């Protein structure tokens, strides 16, 4: 879904500077006293109808109308085309007061004002100073950005871990025992049939399935993804020991164990969104929690939170995300005490798994 922030406002600011300075030198521009609030809001509505916000134009303009009216009542000298930093701070104080009870409403108020300032800039309607414009835009952008901040893999600084220490941590994961069980099941080769897969499910302790493919059962699919790190090869309906099976059995190759671990983490963050779109949000929340659990100031443990104050849909998402985190804790990727923490020796594998599940889009060729 496209962002609704006026993303090009800052990029165009420099290009508008000369035009505004020329207008100020050549003579006065229409101020709030010369240009009615009604005309401003009508022009803003027309501007919105030509943007990606067209479907919400009336709603955004109505909110902006209320905001400008209230700002004028609070300060008789308020000029809606020449906001000052003090004006921005007044609005942000109001928004801050709303956050606890209705964060969405607070964000809408600031977002509409941010979009309005972009409109003033792009239509040469701003009559204040460039410094005031930059200050207001930065303050509003910071507020909106704080409400939607997302961690990225590059925000995590991996610690220096001795290869032997990382290898030892990976060896101790329950995942490795499950992969041993899968290799035992494969033996010298095993056809993938409903019967054989039920036997594998029983051996691994996951619910039985009559599916013809291991990927029909989420738990088997996740383990199969880990095994695809050259430990088990599946070809034409037959599973055989892969080229890395021997090194895996010996627990001697760090790269093999790390790759299997990363594949397993990644598979658990890539739900079938066609089955239930809500799960994509759960994936994102779980990944964000894992990233936060690798920062110097880890987050508080939310796993046992009941989320009673949330709306039903939001509560369901939060509870599903908690289930996902609880599973990671059971699998030993995550230590869930007072805070959430990914053990330092496992962070490289976990981070690689997150990067695989949420790849960065490559820029399109121009």
Protein backbone atom coordinates (compact mmCIF):
# COMPACT_ATOMS: atom_id res chain seq x y z
CA UNK A 1 0.00 0.00 0.00
CA UNK A 2 1.40 3.38 -0.97
CA UNK A 3 2.46 5.73 1.76
CA UNK A 4 0.12 8.65 2.36
CA UNK A 5 2.89 10.98 3.47
CA UNK A 6 3.78 13.86 1.13
CA UNK A 7 7.12 12.30 0.36
CA UNK A 8 8.36 14.87 -2.18
CA UNK A 9 7.74 17.97 -0.07
CA UNK A 10 11.25 18.09 1.36
CA UNK A 11 12.83 17.41 -2.02
CA UNK A 12 11.08 20.40 -3.57
CA UNK A 13 11.77 22.79 -0.70
CA UNK A 14 15.07 24.05 -2.07
CA UNK A 15 13.54 24.70 -5.49
CA UNK A 16 10.82 26.84 -3.89
CA UNK A 17 13.18 28.98 -1.82
CA UNK A 18 14.08 31.45 -4.56
CA UNK A 19 10.46 31.87 -5.60
CA UNK A 20 9.37 32.71 -2.07
CA UNK A 21 12.28 35.09 -1.54
CA UNK A 22 11.44 36.85 -4.81
CA UNK A 23 7.82 37.27 -3.81
CA UNK A 24 8.78 38.69 -0.42
CA UNK A 25 11.17 41.19 -2.04
CA UNK A 26 8.80 42.27 -4.78
CA UNK A 27 5.83 42.96 -2.52
CA UNK A 28 3.39 41.55 -0.04
CA UNK A 29 1.62 38.25 -0.74
CA UNK A 30 -1.95 37.53 0.28
CA UNK A 31 -2.05 36.90 4.00
CA UNK A 32 -4.65 35.09 6.07
CA UNK A 33 -6.57 38.37 6.37
CA UNK A 34 -6.71 38.71 2.56
CA UNK A 35 -7.46 35.12 1.71
CA UNK A 36 -10.45 33.46 3.35
CA UNK A 37 -10.09 30.21 5.23
CA UNK A 38 -12.88 28.79 3.10
CA UNK A 39 -10.91 29.42 -0.09
CA UNK A 40 -7.82 27.84 1.41
CA UNK A 41 -9.66 24.68 2.39
CA UNK A 42 -11.39 24.49 -1.00
CA UNK A 43 -8.07 24.84 -2.81
CA UNK A 44 -6.54 22.22 -0.53
CA UNK A 45 -9.40 19.83 -1.32
CA UNK A 46 -8.82 20.32 -5.03
CA UNK A 47 -5.12 19.68 -4.57
CA UNK A 48 -5.81 16.43 -2.71
CA UNK A 49 -8.10 15.20 -5.48
CA UNK A 50 -5.12 15.23 -7.84
CA UNK A 51 -2.96 13.09 -5.55
CA UNK A 52 -2.97 9.50 -4.28
CA UNK A 53 -5.08 10.83 -1.39
CA UNK A 54 -8.04 11.56 -3.68
CA UNK A 55 -10.31 8.96 -2.07
CA UNK A 56 -9.82 10.62 1.34
CA UNK A 57 -9.74 14.23 0.12
CA UNK A 58 -12.94 15.45 1.79
CA UNK A 59 -12.15 13.77 5.09
CA UNK A 60 -8.62 15.18 5.24
CA UNK A 61 -9.78 18.65 4.22
CA UNK A 62 -12.54 18.65 6.83
CA UNK A 63 -10.03 17.73 9.54
CA UNK A 64 -7.69 20.47 8.31
CA UNK A 65 -10.57 22.97 8.37
CA UNK A 66 -11.25 22.17 12.02
CA UNK A 67 -7.53 22.39 12.85
CA UNK A 68 -7.08 25.80 11.24
CA UNK A 69 -10.24 27.13 12.88
CA UNK A 70 -9.12 25.98 16.33
CA UNK A 71 -5.62 27.36 15.82
CA UNK A 72 -7.13 30.73 14.92
CA UNK A 73 -9.32 30.75 18.02
CA UNK A 74 -6.35 29.89 20.24
CA UNK A 75 -4.17 32.59 18.66
CA UNK A 76 -5.79 35.60 16.91
CA UNK A 77 -2.47 36.29 15.17
CA UNK A 78 -2.31 32.80 13.64
CA UNK A 79 -1.72 32.95 9.88
CA UNK A 80 -2.70 29.68 8.14
CA UNK A 81 -0.28 30.34 5.28
CA UNK A 82 2.65 31.30 7.53
CA UNK A 83 2.90 28.89 10.44
CA UNK A 84 5.54 29.59 13.06
CA UNK A 85 7.40 27.03 15.18
CA UNK A 86 5.19 28.08 18.10
CA UNK A 87 2.12 27.19 16.04
CA UNK A 88 3.57 23.78 15.27
CA UNK A 89 4.33 23.19 18.96
CA UNK A 90 0.78 24.09 19.95
CA UNK A 91 -0.61 21.53 17.50
CA UNK A 92 1.86 18.87 18.61
CA UNK A 93 0.95 19.48 22.26
CA UNK A 94 -2.66 18.80 21.35
CA UNK A 95 -1.69 15.67 19.44
CA UNK A 96 0.49 14.45 22.30
CA UNK A 97 -2.48 14.78 24.62
CA UNK A 98 -4.53 12.55 22.31
CA UNK A 99 -1.96 9.79 21.86
CA UNK A 100 -2.80 7.83 25.01
CA UNK A 101 -6.53 7.67 24.24
CA UNK A 102 -6.55 7.75 20.44
CA UNK A 103 -3.18 7.53 18.73
CA UNK A 104 -4.78 7.17 15.30
CA UNK A 105 -6.65 10.47 15.70
CA UNK A 106 -3.45 12.21 16.81
CA UNK A 107 -1.61 10.92 13.76
CA UNK A 108 -4.44 12.00 11.43
CA UNK A 109 -4.38 15.55 12.80
CA UNK A 110 -0.63 15.93 12.33
CA UNK A 111 -0.64 14.12 8.98
CA UNK A 112 -3.34 16.42 7.59
CA UNK A 113 -1.34 19.47 8.68
CA UNK A 114 1.85 18.02 7.21
CA UNK A 115 0.07 17.44 3.90
CA UNK A 116 -1.39 20.96 4.06
CA UNK A 117 2.05 22.53 4.44
CA UNK A 118 3.22 20.50 1.45
CA UNK A 119 0.24 21.91 -0.47
CA UNK A 120 1.19 25.48 0.47
CA UNK A 121 4.73 24.85 -0.69
CA UNK A 122 3.83 23.23 -4.00
CA UNK A 123 1.22 25.87 -4.89
CA UNK A 124 3.44 28.82 -3.94
CA UNK A 125 0.97 29.73 -1.21
CA UNK A 126 3.38 29.72 1.71
CA UNK A 127 3.90 33.26 2.98
CA UNK A 128 6.14 32.65 5.97
CA UNK A 129 9.90 32.28 6.18
CA UNK A 130 11.80 29.30 4.82
CA UNK A 131 13.23 28.68 8.28
CA UNK A 132 9.76 28.48 9.83
CA UNK A 133 8.55 26.18 7.05
CA UNK A 134 11.48 23.80 7.53
CA UNK A 135 11.00 23.81 11.31
CA UNK A 136 7.28 23.00 11.10
CA UNK A 137 7.76 20.30 8.46
CA UNK A 138 10.54 18.66 10.46
CA UNK A 139 8.50 18.70 13.69
CA UNK A 140 5.42 17.22 12.02
CA UNK A 141 7.48 14.63 10.12
CA UNK A 142 9.21 13.55 13.33
CA UNK A 143 5.86 13.06 15.05
CA UNK A 144 4.43 10.98 12.18
CA UNK A 145 7.67 9.05 11.81
CA UNK A 146 7.74 8.15 15.51
CA UNK A 147 4.27 6.68 15.15
CA UNK A 148 5.30 4.40 12.29
CA UNK A 149 8.94 3.70 13.03
CA UNK A 150 10.12 0.32 11.76
CA UNK A 151 13.38 -1.36 12.61
CA UNK A 152 15.56 -2.53 9.74
CA UNK A 153 18.19 -5.30 9.76
CA UNK A 154 20.92 -2.67 9.38
CA UNK A 155 19.86 -1.24 12.75
CA UNK A 156 21.35 -4.34 14.39
CA UNK A 157 25.07 -4.30 15.10
CA UNK A 158 26.26 -7.89 15.35
CA UNK A 159 28.69 -8.64 18.18
CA UNK A 160 32.04 -10.28 17.58
CA UNK A 161 31.49 -13.97 18.32
CA UNK A 162 34.19 -16.62 18.06
CA UNK A 163 33.27 -19.23 15.41
CA UNK A 164 33.53 -22.04 17.98
CA UNK A 165 31.08 -20.22 20.27
CA UNK A 166 28.58 -19.73 17.46
CA UNK A 167 28.95 -23.34 16.41
CA UNK A 168 28.34 -24.51 19.97
CA UNK A 169 25.21 -22.36 20.27
CA UNK A 170 23.82 -23.68 16.99
CA UNK A 171 24.53 -27.28 17.96
CA UNK A 172 22.36 -26.91 21.06
CA UNK A 173 19.25 -25.82 19.18
CA UNK A 174 16.29 -28.25 19.17
CA UNK A 175 16.20 -27.71 15.41
CA UNK A 176 19.32 -29.81 14.98
CA UNK A 177 17.74 -32.81 16.66
CA UNK A 178 14.71 -32.48 14.40
CA UNK A 179 16.94 -32.43 11.33
CA UNK A 180 18.70 -35.56 12.59
CA UNK A 181 15.28 -37.22 12.82
CA UNK A 182 14.53 -36.20 9.25
CA UNK A 183 17.82 -37.64 8.04
CA UNK A 184 17.07 -40.88 9.86
CA UNK A 185 13.69 -40.97 8.14
CA UNK A 186 15.26 -40.34 4.72
CA UNK A 187 17.85 -43.09 5.13
CA UNK A 188 19.06 -44.13 1.68
CA UNK A 189 16.09 -42.43 0.02
CA UNK A 190 12.39 -42.04 0.74
CA UNK A 191 9.44 -41.46 -1.58
CA UNK A 192 7.22 -38.59 -0.47
CA UNK A 193 3.81 -40.19 -0.04
CA UNK A 194 0.93 -39.47 2.32
CA UNK A 195 1.91 -42.54 4.34
CA UNK A 196 5.60 -41.69 4.59
CA UNK A 197 4.83 -38.10 5.51
CA UNK A 198 2.52 -39.24 8.29
CA UNK A 199 5.41 -41.36 9.59
CA UNK A 200 7.69 -38.33 9.47
CA UNK A 201 5.14 -36.18 11.25
CA UNK A 202 4.81 -38.81 13.99
CA UNK A 203 8.59 -39.04 14.36
CA UNK A 204 8.88 -35.27 14.67
CA UNK A 205 5.89 -34.93 16.97
CA UNK A 206 3.91 -32.61 14.68
CA UNK A 207 0.22 -33.08 13.81
CA UNK A 208 -0.50 -35.66 11.18
CA UNK A 209 -1.56 -34.65 7.70
CA UNK A 210 -2.86 -36.46 4.67
CA UNK A 211 -1.20 -33.93 2.37
CA UNK A 212 0.90 -35.26 -0.48
CA UNK A 213 3.59 -32.66 0.06
CA UNK A 214 5.56 -31.76 3.15
CA UNK A 215 4.70 -28.14 2.39
CA UNK A 216 1.03 -28.81 3.10
CA UNK A 217 1.85 -28.95 6.83
CA UNK A 218 3.33 -25.69 8.21
CA UNK A 219 5.60 -27.36 10.77
CA UNK A 220 6.91 -29.85 8.24
CA UNK A 221 7.32 -27.07 5.68
CA UNK A 222 9.41 -25.03 8.12
CA UNK A 223 11.67 -27.99 8.89
CA UNK A 224 11.88 -28.87 5.21
CA UNK A 225 13.07 -25.31 4.57
CA UNK A 226 15.83 -25.76 7.15
CA UNK A 227 16.77 -29.10 5.58
CA UNK A 228 16.95 -27.48 2.15
CA UNK A 229 20.32 -26.02 3.19
CA UNK A 230 21.86 -28.95 1.28
CA UNK A 231 21.09 -31.35 4.14
CA UNK A 232 18.21 -33.11 2.39
CA UNK A 233 17.53 -33.00 -1.34
CA UNK A 234 14.03 -33.41 -2.74
CA UNK A 235 13.77 -34.31 -6.40
CA UNK A 236 10.88 -35.74 -8.36
CA UNK A 237 8.96 -36.79 -5.26
CA UNK A 238 11.93 -38.44 -3.55
CA UNK A 239 13.95 -37.26 -0.55
CA UNK A 240 17.62 -38.18 -0.25
CA UNK A 241 20.51 -37.11 1.95
CA UNK A 242 22.02 -33.92 0.53
CA UNK A 243 25.67 -33.00 -0.08
CA UNK A 244 25.94 -31.31 3.34
CA UNK A 245 24.32 -34.19 5.27
CA UNK A 246 27.59 -35.68 6.47
CA UNK A 247 28.99 -32.33 7.67
CA UNK A 248 25.68 -31.65 9.40
CA UNK A 249 25.75 -34.98 11.20
CA UNK A 250 29.27 -34.20 12.40
CA UNK A 251 28.20 -30.69 13.50
CA UNK A 252 31.53 -29.59 12.10
CA UNK A 253 30.62 -26.96 9.49
CA UNK A 254 29.52 -23.60 10.85
CA UNK A 255 28.16 -22.43 7.49
CA UNK A 256 25.91 -25.48 7.13
CA UNK A 257 24.42 -25.11 10.61
CA UNK A 258 24.02 -21.34 10.29
CA UNK A 259 22.31 -21.66 6.90
CA UNK A 260 19.91 -24.30 8.19
CA UNK A 261 19.08 -22.10 11.18
CA UNK A 262 18.54 -19.02 9.01
CA UNK A 263 16.24 -20.97 6.66
CA UNK A 264 14.20 -22.16 9.62
CA UNK A 265 13.76 -18.65 11.05
CA UNK A 266 12.88 -17.28 7.62
CA UNK A 267 10.26 -19.96 6.99
CA UNK A 268 8.48 -19.05 10.22
CA UNK A 269 8.25 -15.40 9.15
CA UNK A 270 6.76 -16.12 5.73
CA UNK A 271 3.15 -17.15 6.25
CA UNK A 272 0.86 -18.05 3.38
CA UNK A 273 -0.87 -14.67 3.14
CA UNK A 274 -3.30 -16.02 0.57
CA UNK A 275 -4.64 -18.22 3.34
CA UNK A 276 -5.06 -15.37 5.82
CA UNK A 277 -3.86 -11.84 5.14
CA UNK A 278 -3.71 -11.08 8.87
CA UNK A 279 -0.74 -13.41 9.17
CA UNK A 280 1.44 -11.05 7.15
CA UNK A 281 0.98 -8.47 9.92
CA UNK A 282 1.84 -11.13 12.50
CA UNK A 283 5.00 -11.96 10.54
CA UNK A 284 6.04 -8.30 10.56
CA UNK A 285 5.37 -7.86 14.29
CA UNK A 286 7.34 -11.01 15.12
CA UNK A 287 10.26 -9.88 12.96
CA UNK A 288 10.21 -6.44 14.56
CA UNK A 289 10.33 -8.04 18.01
CA UNK A 290 13.29 -10.21 17.00
CA UNK A 291 15.15 -7.17 15.65
CA UNK A 292 14.43 -5.21 18.83
CA UNK A 293 15.65 -8.19 20.88
CA UNK A 294 19.07 -7.78 19.23
CA UNK A 295 19.48 -4.12 20.21
CA UNK A 296 21.42 -2.82 23.24
CA UNK A 297 18.12 -1.83 24.93
CA UNK A 298 15.89 -4.89 24.37
CA UNK A 299 12.10 -4.65 24.62
CA UNK A 300 10.04 -5.79 27.58
CA UNK A 301 8.63 -9.29 27.25
CA UNK A 302 5.02 -9.00 25.96
CA UNK A 303 4.39 -12.73 25.48
CA UNK A 304 2.01 -13.17 28.42
CA UNK A 305 0.15 -9.89 27.88
CA UNK A 306 -3.61 -10.42 27.50
CA UNK A 307 -4.07 -7.29 25.33
CA UNK A 308 -7.53 -6.82 26.82
CA UNK A 309 -7.71 -3.13 25.90
CA UNK A 310 -7.35 -3.65 22.15
CA UNK A 311 -10.04 -3.92 19.52
CA UNK A 312 -10.91 -7.55 18.67
CA UNK A 313 -8.97 -7.69 15.39
CA UNK A 314 -5.94 -5.92 16.86
CA UNK A 315 -6.04 -8.20 19.88
CA UNK A 316 -6.10 -11.28 17.68
CA UNK A 317 -3.04 -10.06 15.77
CA UNK A 318 -1.19 -9.29 19.01
CA UNK A 319 -2.01 -12.69 20.49
CA UNK A 320 -0.89 -14.47 17.32
CA UNK A 321 2.36 -12.50 17.37
CA UNK A 322 2.84 -13.55 21.00
CA UNK A 323 2.33 -17.18 19.99
CA UNK A 324 5.00 -16.78 17.34
CA UNK A 325 7.42 -15.29 19.87
CA UNK A 326 6.61 -18.06 22.35
CA UNK A 327 7.50 -20.61 19.67
CA UNK A 328 10.82 -18.85 19.06
CA UNK A 329 11.51 -18.99 22.78
CA UNK A 330 10.72 -22.73 22.85
CA UNK A 331 13.10 -23.19 19.93
CA UNK A 332 15.82 -21.32 21.88
CA UNK A 333 16.23 -18.43 19.43
CA UNK A 334 14.82 -16.09 22.02
CA UNK A 335 15.27 -15.71 25.76
CA UNK A 336 11.95 -14.47 27.16
CA UNK A 337 12.59 -13.17 30.66
CA UNK A 338 11.74 -9.68 31.82
CA UNK A 339 12.90 -8.58 28.37
CA UNK A 340 13.25 -10.33 25.03
CA UNK A 341 16.80 -11.15 24.01
CA UNK A 342 18.30 -13.10 21.11
CA UNK A 343 21.47 -14.83 22.39
CA UNK A 344 24.48 -13.06 20.86
CA UNK A 345 25.88 -16.27 19.35
CA UNK A 346 22.64 -16.84 17.42
CA UNK A 347 22.11 -13.31 16.15
CA UNK A 348 23.86 -13.74 12.82
CA UNK A 349 21.63 -16.69 11.89
CA UNK A 350 18.47 -14.95 13.11
CA UNK A 351 19.33 -11.72 11.31
CA UNK A 352 20.02 -13.62 8.08
CA UNK A 353 16.65 -15.33 8.41
CA UNK A 354 14.88 -11.97 8.82
CA UNK A 355 16.70 -10.53 5.80
CA UNK A 356 15.64 -13.54 3.72
CA UNK A 357 12.00 -13.20 4.83
CA UNK A 358 11.89 -9.43 4.24
CA UNK A 359 14.22 -8.75 1.31
CA UNK A 360 14.99 -5.15 0.46
CA UNK A 361 13.49 -4.14 -2.87
CA UNK A 362 16.14 -3.48 -5.48
CA UNK A 363 15.86 -0.05 -7.11
CA UNK A 364 14.37 -0.14 -10.58
CA UNK A 365 16.66 0.67 -13.48
CA UNK A 366 16.04 4.11 -14.86
